[in-house]
Amino acid sequence: RMIVTDPHDAPPSFAQHELLSGADDVIDLRINDLTAFDATNWARRPRLRLIDAPEEIASTVNGFAEAGLFVGSEDDAPLFLAPTTADWGRFADDSVVIVYGAFANMPETLQALCTLARPRLVALASDDFDGALIDDIAAAAQGAPVQIMEQGLALET
């Protein structure tokens, strides 16, 4: 499933028609009229055995935090796309988390996330990378794998 968020904010070097051509969903995170992710009642479903799995695996897309997304699937790890202001909990265990926003806020956000959950991977996306914070980010990650995304590149999972 291909989800494109905020195509109007893509760098000019991206051709809009190419960016949107394969999209299953196009979502404007500023509007985000999706059903909200219910952290209290959500439970990860056990992975289906190959013999029991349908040909096409269903996935759900919900709003998460302010201007964020949750993508859940029976076949893969949950995916969270969230601003640095998101509140975290155990629901983020074994998930892929993409945090976006001001790079100065990343260590604090990462600390909150990794204190409450053990994510499979955390990707940090920011327009204002500051190499001086790398040591703070490493400490805040508490052993969780962290990737700092390069500006202008699409994320494919």
N, C-alpha and C. Protein backbone atom coordinates (compact mmCIF):
# COMPACT_ATOMS: atom_id res chain seq x y z
N ARG A 1 0.85 -1.17 0.00
CA ARG A 1 0.00 0.00 0.00
C ARG A 1 0.89 1.23 0.00
N MET A 2 0.62 2.13 -0.91
CA MET A 2 1.43 3.35 -1.00
C MET A 2 0.60 4.53 -0.52
N ILE A 3 1.14 5.21 0.49
CA ILE A 3 0.48 6.38 1.07
C ILE A 3 1.38 7.59 0.83
N VAL A 4 0.82 8.63 0.26
CA VAL A 4 1.55 9.87 0.05
C VAL A 4 0.95 10.91 0.98
N THR A 5 1.82 11.55 1.78
CA THR A 5 1.34 12.60 2.68
C THR A 5 1.86 13.95 2.20
N ASP A 6 1.00 14.92 2.26
CA ASP A 6 1.34 16.30 1.94
C ASP A 6 2.13 16.47 0.65
N PRO A 7 1.60 16.01 -0.48
CA PRO A 7 2.34 16.13 -1.73
C PRO A 7 2.63 17.59 -2.10
N HIS A 8 1.81 18.51 -1.63
CA HIS A 8 2.02 19.94 -1.93
C HIS A 8 3.28 20.48 -1.26
N ASP A 9 3.81 19.77 -0.26
CA ASP A 9 5.03 20.20 0.42
C ASP A 9 6.29 19.55 -0.15
N ALA A 10 6.14 18.75 -1.19
CA ALA A 10 7.31 18.08 -1.78
C ALA A 10 8.24 19.11 -2.41
N PRO A 11 9.54 18.83 -2.39
CA PRO A 11 10.48 19.76 -3.04
C PRO A 11 10.15 19.91 -4.52
N PRO A 12 10.50 21.03 -5.11
CA PRO A 12 10.20 21.28 -6.52
C PRO A 12 10.80 20.23 -7.46
N SER A 13 11.86 19.56 -7.03
CA SER A 13 12.49 18.55 -7.87
C SER A 13 11.64 17.29 -8.05
N PHE A 14 10.61 17.13 -7.23
CA PHE A 14 9.71 15.99 -7.37
C PHE A 14 8.60 16.34 -8.36
N ALA A 15 8.39 15.49 -9.33
CA ALA A 15 7.29 15.68 -10.28
C ALA A 15 6.00 15.21 -9.60
N GLN A 16 5.05 16.11 -9.44
CA GLN A 16 3.80 15.78 -8.73
C GLN A 16 3.10 14.57 -9.33
N HIS A 17 3.02 14.49 -10.66
CA HIS A 17 2.32 13.37 -11.28
C HIS A 17 3.02 12.04 -10.99
N GLU A 18 4.34 12.04 -10.91
CA GLU A 18 5.07 10.82 -10.58
C GLU A 18 4.89 10.46 -9.11
N LEU A 19 4.90 11.46 -8.26
CA LEU A 19 4.73 11.24 -6.83
C LEU A 19 3.37 10.62 -6.53
N LEU A 20 2.34 11.06 -7.24
CA LEU A 20 0.98 10.61 -6.96
C LEU A 20 0.53 9.42 -7.82
N SER A 21 1.29 9.05 -8.81
CA SER A 21 0.83 8.06 -9.79
C SER A 21 0.50 6.70 -9.19
N GLY A 22 1.25 6.25 -8.22
CA GLY A 22 1.00 4.93 -7.65
C GLY A 22 0.33 4.96 -6.29
N ALA A 23 -0.08 6.13 -5.85
CA ALA A 23 -0.63 6.28 -4.49
C ALA A 23 -1.97 5.59 -4.34
N ASP A 24 -2.08 4.81 -3.28
CA ASP A 24 -3.37 4.25 -2.89
C ASP A 24 -4.16 5.25 -2.06
N ASP A 25 -3.42 6.05 -1.30
CA ASP A 25 -4.03 7.08 -0.45
C ASP A 25 -3.18 8.35 -0.53
N VAL A 26 -3.84 9.50 -0.57
CA VAL A 26 -3.16 10.79 -0.48
C VAL A 26 -3.77 11.49 0.73
N ILE A 27 -2.91 11.84 1.68
CA ILE A 27 -3.40 12.38 2.95
C ILE A 27 -2.72 13.71 3.24
N ASP A 28 -3.52 14.70 3.59
CA ASP A 28 -3.02 15.98 4.03
C ASP A 28 -2.98 15.94 5.55
N LEU A 29 -1.79 15.89 6.12
CA LEU A 29 -1.66 15.75 7.57
C LEU A 29 -2.19 16.95 8.34
N ARG A 30 -2.28 18.10 7.69
CA ARG A 30 -2.83 19.27 8.39
C ARG A 30 -4.33 19.15 8.58
N ILE A 31 -5.00 18.44 7.68
CA ILE A 31 -6.45 18.24 7.80
C ILE A 31 -6.72 16.96 8.59
N ASN A 32 -6.08 15.88 8.23
CA ASN A 32 -6.15 14.59 8.90
C ASN A 32 -7.54 14.28 9.45
N ASP A 33 -8.47 13.98 8.57
CA ASP A 33 -9.83 13.65 8.97
C ASP A 33 -10.03 12.14 9.14
N LEU A 34 -8.94 11.42 9.33
CA LEU A 34 -9.02 9.97 9.54
C LEU A 34 -9.52 9.65 10.94
N THR A 35 -10.09 8.48 11.10
CA THR A 35 -10.48 8.00 12.42
C THR A 35 -9.23 7.94 13.29
N ALA A 36 -9.34 8.41 14.51
CA ALA A 36 -8.18 8.47 15.40
C ALA A 36 -7.76 7.07 15.86
N PHE A 37 -6.46 6.87 15.99
CA PHE A 37 -5.90 5.64 16.52
C PHE A 37 -6.30 5.52 17.98
N ASP A 38 -6.83 4.36 18.37
CA ASP A 38 -7.29 4.12 19.74
C ASP A 38 -6.23 3.33 20.49
N ALA A 39 -5.31 4.04 21.13
CA ALA A 39 -4.19 3.39 21.82
C ALA A 39 -4.66 2.53 22.99
N THR A 40 -5.77 2.88 23.60
CA THR A 40 -6.26 2.13 24.76
C THR A 40 -6.75 0.75 24.38
N ASN A 41 -7.45 0.63 23.27
CA ASN A 41 -8.06 -0.65 22.89
C ASN A 41 -7.32 -1.40 21.79
N TRP A 42 -6.29 -0.81 21.22
CA TRP A 42 -5.58 -1.46 20.13
C TRP A 42 -4.69 -2.57 20.65
N ALA A 43 -4.71 -3.68 19.96
CA ALA A 43 -3.81 -4.79 20.27
C ALA A 43 -3.30 -5.33 18.94
N ARG A 44 -2.03 -5.60 18.91
CA ARG A 44 -1.45 -6.14 17.68
C ARG A 44 -1.96 -7.54 17.45
N ARG A 45 -2.41 -7.79 16.24
CA ARG A 45 -2.90 -9.12 15.89
C ARG A 45 -1.73 -10.06 15.62
N PRO A 46 -1.88 -11.31 15.99
CA PRO A 46 -0.80 -12.26 15.66
C PRO A 46 -0.69 -12.43 14.16
N ARG A 47 0.51 -12.63 13.71
CA ARG A 47 0.76 -12.82 12.27
C ARG A 47 0.08 -14.12 11.83
N LEU A 48 -0.60 -14.05 10.69
CA LEU A 48 -1.28 -15.22 10.14
C LEU A 48 -0.27 -16.20 9.55
N ARG A 49 -0.59 -17.46 9.66
CA ARG A 49 0.23 -18.46 8.98
C ARG A 49 0.01 -18.30 7.48
N LEU A 50 1.02 -18.58 6.71
CA LEU A 50 0.94 -18.40 5.27
C LEU A 50 -0.26 -19.13 4.67
N ILE A 51 -0.54 -20.31 5.18
CA ILE A 51 -1.66 -21.10 4.64
C ILE A 51 -3.02 -20.46 4.96
N ASP A 52 -3.07 -19.67 6.06
CA ASP A 52 -4.32 -19.04 6.48
C ASP A 52 -4.50 -17.62 5.95
N ALA A 53 -3.44 -17.05 5.42
CA ALA A 53 -3.48 -15.65 5.00
C ALA A 53 -4.24 -15.48 3.69
N PRO A 54 -5.04 -14.42 3.60
CA PRO A 54 -5.70 -14.13 2.33
C PRO A 54 -4.67 -13.67 1.30
N GLU A 55 -5.07 -13.66 0.04
CA GLU A 55 -4.14 -13.23 -1.01
C GLU A 55 -3.72 -11.77 -0.83
N GLU A 56 -4.65 -10.94 -0.43
CA GLU A 56 -4.34 -9.54 -0.21
C GLU A 56 -4.49 -9.23 1.27
N ILE A 57 -3.42 -8.74 1.88
CA ILE A 57 -3.41 -8.43 3.30
C ILE A 57 -4.05 -7.06 3.53
N ALA A 58 -5.01 -7.01 4.43
CA ALA A 58 -5.69 -5.75 4.74
C ALA A 58 -4.82 -4.90 5.65
N SER A 59 -4.90 -3.61 5.46
CA SER A 59 -4.22 -2.68 6.36
C SER A 59 -5.17 -1.56 6.71
N THR A 60 -4.91 -0.93 7.84
CA THR A 60 -5.74 0.19 8.29
C THR A 60 -4.87 1.43 8.41
N VAL A 61 -5.46 2.57 8.15
CA VAL A 61 -4.78 3.84 8.32
C VAL A 61 -5.64 4.69 9.24
N ASN A 62 -5.03 5.16 10.32
CA ASN A 62 -5.73 6.00 11.29
C ASN A 62 -4.92 7.25 11.55
N GLY A 63 -5.59 8.28 12.03
CA GLY A 63 -4.88 9.46 12.48
C GLY A 63 -4.17 9.15 13.78
N PHE A 64 -3.02 9.76 14.01
CA PHE A 64 -2.28 9.56 15.25
C PHE A 64 -1.70 10.89 15.68
N ALA A 65 -1.90 11.22 16.94
CA ALA A 65 -1.42 12.48 17.49
C ALA A 65 -1.93 13.63 16.62
N GLU A 66 -1.30 14.75 16.73
CA GLU A 66 -1.68 15.89 15.88
C GLU A 66 -0.85 15.80 14.62
N ALA A 67 -1.50 15.62 13.49
CA ALA A 67 -0.84 15.56 12.18
C ALA A 67 0.06 14.34 12.05
N GLY A 68 -0.43 13.19 12.48
CA GLY A 68 0.33 11.95 12.34
C GLY A 68 -0.53 10.83 11.81
N LEU A 69 0.09 9.68 11.56
CA LEU A 69 -0.60 8.51 11.02
C LEU A 69 -0.20 7.24 11.76
N PHE A 70 -1.12 6.31 11.81
CA PHE A 70 -0.84 4.94 12.22
C PHE A 70 -1.25 4.05 11.06
N VAL A 71 -0.37 3.15 10.66
CA VAL A 71 -0.69 2.17 9.62
C VAL A 71 -0.49 0.79 10.23
N GLY A 72 -1.56 0.03 10.28
CA GLY A 72 -1.50 -1.31 10.84
C GLY A 72 -1.81 -2.35 9.80
N SER A 73 -1.15 -3.48 9.91
CA SER A 73 -1.33 -4.56 8.96
C SER A 73 -1.21 -5.88 9.70
N GLU A 74 -1.87 -6.91 9.19
CA GLU A 74 -1.75 -8.23 9.79
C GLU A 74 -0.43 -8.88 9.40
N ASP A 75 0.27 -8.28 8.45
CA ASP A 75 1.45 -8.92 7.88
C ASP A 75 2.77 -8.30 8.31
N ASP A 76 2.75 -7.11 8.89
CA ASP A 76 4.01 -6.44 9.17
C ASP A 76 3.90 -5.60 10.44
N ALA A 77 5.02 -5.02 10.83
CA ALA A 77 5.07 -4.19 12.03
C ALA A 77 4.21 -2.95 11.85
N PRO A 78 3.60 -2.47 12.93
CA PRO A 78 2.86 -1.21 12.85
C PRO A 78 3.80 -0.07 12.48
N LEU A 79 3.26 0.93 11.82
CA LEU A 79 4.04 2.09 11.41
C LEU A 79 3.37 3.33 11.99
N PHE A 80 4.16 4.15 12.65
CA PHE A 80 3.69 5.44 13.17
C PHE A 80 4.47 6.55 12.49
N LEU A 81 3.77 7.53 11.99
CA LEU A 81 4.36 8.76 11.48
C LEU A 81 3.84 9.84 12.41
N ALA A 82 4.75 10.48 13.15
CA ALA A 82 4.27 11.38 14.21
C ALA A 82 5.17 12.60 14.37
N PRO A 83 4.56 13.71 14.78
CA PRO A 83 5.36 14.90 15.08
C PRO A 83 6.09 14.70 16.42
N THR A 84 7.04 15.57 16.69
CA THR A 84 7.80 15.46 17.93
C THR A 84 6.94 15.67 19.17
N THR A 85 5.73 16.16 19.00
CA THR A 85 4.84 16.43 20.14
C THR A 85 3.97 15.23 20.53
N ALA A 86 4.11 14.10 19.85
CA ALA A 86 3.24 12.94 20.11
C ALA A 86 3.49 12.35 21.50
N ASP A 87 2.43 11.77 22.07
CA ASP A 87 2.53 11.02 23.33
C ASP A 87 2.67 9.55 23.00
N TRP A 88 3.57 8.86 23.69
CA TRP A 88 3.86 7.46 23.38
C TRP A 88 3.44 6.53 24.49
N GLY A 89 3.36 5.26 24.17
CA GLY A 89 3.01 4.23 25.14
C GLY A 89 3.51 2.88 24.66
N ARG A 90 3.15 1.84 25.39
CA ARG A 90 3.58 0.48 25.05
C ARG A 90 3.07 0.03 23.68
N PHE A 91 2.05 0.68 23.17
CA PHE A 91 1.52 0.32 21.85
C PHE A 91 2.57 0.44 20.76
N ALA A 92 3.64 1.17 21.00
CA ALA A 92 4.68 1.37 19.99
C ALA A 92 5.75 0.27 20.03
N ASP A 93 5.60 -0.72 20.91
CA ASP A 93 6.55 -1.84 20.94
C ASP A 93 6.63 -2.51 19.58
N ASP A 94 7.82 -2.84 19.16
CA ASP A 94 8.09 -3.57 17.91
C ASP A 94 7.48 -2.89 16.68
N SER A 95 7.40 -1.57 16.71
CA SER A 95 6.85 -0.84 15.57
C SER A 95 7.96 -0.02 14.90
N VAL A 96 7.65 0.42 13.70
CA VAL A 96 8.52 1.36 13.00
C VAL A 96 7.94 2.74 13.25
N VAL A 97 8.77 3.64 13.75
CA VAL A 97 8.31 4.98 14.12
C VAL A 97 9.10 6.01 13.32
N ILE A 98 8.38 6.89 12.66
CA ILE A 98 9.01 8.00 11.95
C ILE A 98 8.58 9.27 12.68
N VAL A 99 9.55 9.97 13.22
CA VAL A 99 9.27 11.21 13.95
C VAL A 99 9.74 12.37 13.08
N TYR A 100 8.88 13.38 12.93
CA TYR A 100 9.27 14.54 12.15
C TYR A 100 9.07 15.81 12.96
N GLY A 101 9.85 16.82 12.63
CA GLY A 101 9.74 18.11 13.31
C GLY A 101 11.10 18.71 13.54
N ALA A 102 11.16 19.65 14.47
CA ALA A 102 12.40 20.36 14.76
C ALA A 102 13.44 19.38 15.32
N PHE A 103 14.63 19.41 14.76
CA PHE A 103 15.68 18.48 15.19
C PHE A 103 16.05 18.70 16.66
N ALA A 104 15.94 19.93 17.15
CA ALA A 104 16.26 20.22 18.54
C ALA A 104 15.35 19.46 19.51
N ASN A 105 14.14 19.08 19.06
CA ASN A 105 13.20 18.35 19.91
C ASN A 105 13.37 16.83 19.83
N MET A 106 14.18 16.34 18.92
CA MET A 106 14.31 14.90 18.71
C MET A 106 14.83 14.13 19.92
N PRO A 107 15.87 14.61 20.62
CA PRO A 107 16.33 13.83 21.78
C PRO A 107 15.25 13.63 22.85
N GLU A 108 14.50 14.68 23.14
CA GLU A 108 13.43 14.58 24.15
C GLU A 108 12.33 13.62 23.69
N THR A 109 11.94 13.72 22.43
CA THR A 109 10.92 12.83 21.89
C THR A 109 11.39 11.38 21.90
N LEU A 110 12.61 11.16 21.49
CA LEU A 110 13.19 9.83 21.46
C LEU A 110 13.28 9.24 22.86
N GLN A 111 13.66 10.05 23.82
CA GLN A 111 13.74 9.61 25.22
C GLN A 111 12.36 9.16 25.71
N ALA A 112 11.33 9.95 25.44
CA ALA A 112 9.97 9.59 25.86
C ALA A 112 9.51 8.30 25.20
N LEU A 113 9.75 8.17 23.91
CA LEU A 113 9.35 6.98 23.16
C LEU A 113 10.05 5.73 23.68
N CYS A 114 11.37 5.80 23.79
CA CYS A 114 12.15 4.61 24.14
C CYS A 114 12.10 4.26 25.62
N THR A 115 11.60 5.15 26.45
CA THR A 115 11.38 4.82 27.86
C THR A 115 10.12 3.98 28.01
N LEU A 116 9.13 4.24 27.16
CA LEU A 116 7.84 3.55 27.26
C LEU A 116 7.68 2.36 26.32
N ALA A 117 8.48 2.28 25.28
CA ALA A 117 8.32 1.22 24.30
C ALA A 117 9.69 0.82 23.74
N ARG A 118 9.70 -0.29 23.05
CA ARG A 118 10.90 -0.78 22.37
C ARG A 118 10.61 -0.86 20.88
N PRO A 119 10.77 0.25 20.16
CA PRO A 119 10.46 0.24 18.73
C PRO A 119 11.47 -0.60 17.95
N ARG A 120 11.00 -1.15 16.85
CA ARG A 120 11.86 -1.92 15.94
C ARG A 120 12.86 -0.99 15.25
N LEU A 121 12.39 0.19 14.87
CA LEU A 121 13.24 1.18 14.21
C LEU A 121 12.63 2.56 14.42
N VAL A 122 13.48 3.55 14.63
CA VAL A 122 13.03 4.93 14.71
C VAL A 122 13.76 5.71 13.63
N ALA A 123 13.00 6.39 12.78
CA ALA A 123 13.58 7.25 11.75
C ALA A 123 13.25 8.70 12.12
N LEU A 124 14.24 9.54 12.02
CA LEU A 124 14.07 10.95 12.36
C LEU A 124 14.11 11.79 11.08
N ALA A 125 13.10 12.60 10.88
CA ALA A 125 13.01 13.44 9.68
C ALA A 125 12.89 14.90 10.10
N SER A 126 13.83 15.71 9.63
CA SER A 126 13.82 17.11 10.01
C SER A 126 14.51 17.94 8.93
N ASP A 127 14.07 19.18 8.80
CA ASP A 127 14.69 20.10 7.84
C ASP A 127 15.91 20.80 8.42
N ASP A 128 16.08 20.71 9.75
CA ASP A 128 17.14 21.49 10.39
C ASP A 128 18.11 20.61 11.19
N PHE A 129 18.69 19.63 10.51
CA PHE A 129 19.63 18.71 11.13
C PHE A 129 20.75 19.46 11.87
N ASP A 130 21.07 18.98 13.07
CA ASP A 130 22.13 19.57 13.87
C ASP A 130 23.02 18.44 14.38
N GLY A 131 24.19 18.30 13.79
CA GLY A 131 25.11 17.23 14.15
C GLY A 131 25.55 17.26 15.60
N ALA A 132 25.45 18.42 16.25
CA ALA A 132 25.85 18.53 17.64
C ALA A 132 24.94 17.71 18.57
N LEU A 133 23.77 17.31 18.09
CA LEU A 133 22.83 16.56 18.93
C LEU A 133 22.95 15.04 18.78
N ILE A 134 23.87 14.58 17.97
CA ILE A 134 23.99 13.14 17.71
C ILE A 134 24.22 12.35 19.00
N ASP A 135 25.11 12.82 19.88
CA ASP A 135 25.35 12.11 21.13
C ASP A 135 24.11 12.07 22.01
N ASP A 136 23.34 13.16 22.03
CA ASP A 136 22.10 13.20 22.80
C ASP A 136 21.08 12.22 22.24
N ILE A 137 21.02 12.12 20.93
CA ILE A 137 20.09 11.20 20.28
C ILE A 137 20.49 9.76 20.58
N ALA A 138 21.77 9.47 20.51
CA ALA A 138 22.24 8.10 20.80
C ALA A 138 21.89 7.70 22.23
N ALA A 139 22.08 8.61 23.18
CA ALA A 139 21.75 8.30 24.58
C ALA A 139 20.24 8.14 24.77
N ALA A 140 19.46 9.00 24.13
CA ALA A 140 18.00 8.95 24.28
C ALA A 140 17.41 7.69 23.67
N ALA A 141 18.06 7.12 22.65
CA ALA A 141 17.54 5.94 21.97
C ALA A 141 17.60 4.69 22.83
N GLN A 142 18.44 4.67 23.84
CA GLN A 142 18.52 3.55 24.78
C GLN A 142 18.69 2.21 24.06
N GLY A 143 19.48 2.20 23.01
CA GLY A 143 19.76 0.96 22.29
C GLY A 143 18.84 0.69 21.11
N ALA A 144 17.80 1.48 20.94
CA ALA A 144 16.89 1.29 19.79
C ALA A 144 17.59 1.75 18.51
N PRO A 145 17.38 1.05 17.41
CA PRO A 145 17.99 1.48 16.14
C PRO A 145 17.38 2.80 15.68
N VAL A 146 18.24 3.74 15.30
CA VAL A 146 17.79 5.06 14.86
C VAL A 146 18.42 5.37 13.51
N GLN A 147 17.62 5.93 12.64
CA GLN A 147 18.10 6.36 11.33
C GLN A 147 17.70 7.82 11.14
N ILE A 148 18.65 8.63 10.73
CA ILE A 148 18.34 10.03 10.44
C ILE A 148 18.14 10.13 8.94
N MET A 149 16.96 10.55 8.55
CA MET A 149 16.60 10.59 7.14
C MET A 149 17.17 11.83 6.47
N GLU A 150 17.54 11.66 5.23
CA GLU A 150 18.07 12.77 4.46
C GLU A 150 16.93 13.57 3.86
N GLN A 151 17.04 14.87 3.96
CA GLN A 151 16.00 15.75 3.43
C GLN A 151 15.83 15.57 1.93
N GLY A 152 14.58 15.53 1.50
CA GLY A 152 14.28 15.45 0.07
C GLY A 152 14.14 14.04 -0.45
N LEU A 153 14.35 13.04 0.38
CA LEU A 153 14.19 11.66 -0.07
C LEU A 153 12.85 11.11 0.40
N ALA A 154 12.23 10.32 -0.42
CA ALA A 154 10.96 9.69 -0.04
C ALA A 154 11.26 8.52 0.88
N LEU A 155 10.32 8.21 1.75
CA LEU A 155 10.43 7.06 2.62
C LEU A 155 9.67 5.91 2.02
N GLU A 156 10.31 4.79 1.87
CA GLU A 156 9.64 3.61 1.34
C GLU A 156 9.80 2.49 2.35
N THR A 157 8.68 1.94 2.82
CA THR A 157 8.74 0.82 3.76
C THR A 157 7.91 -0.33 3.24
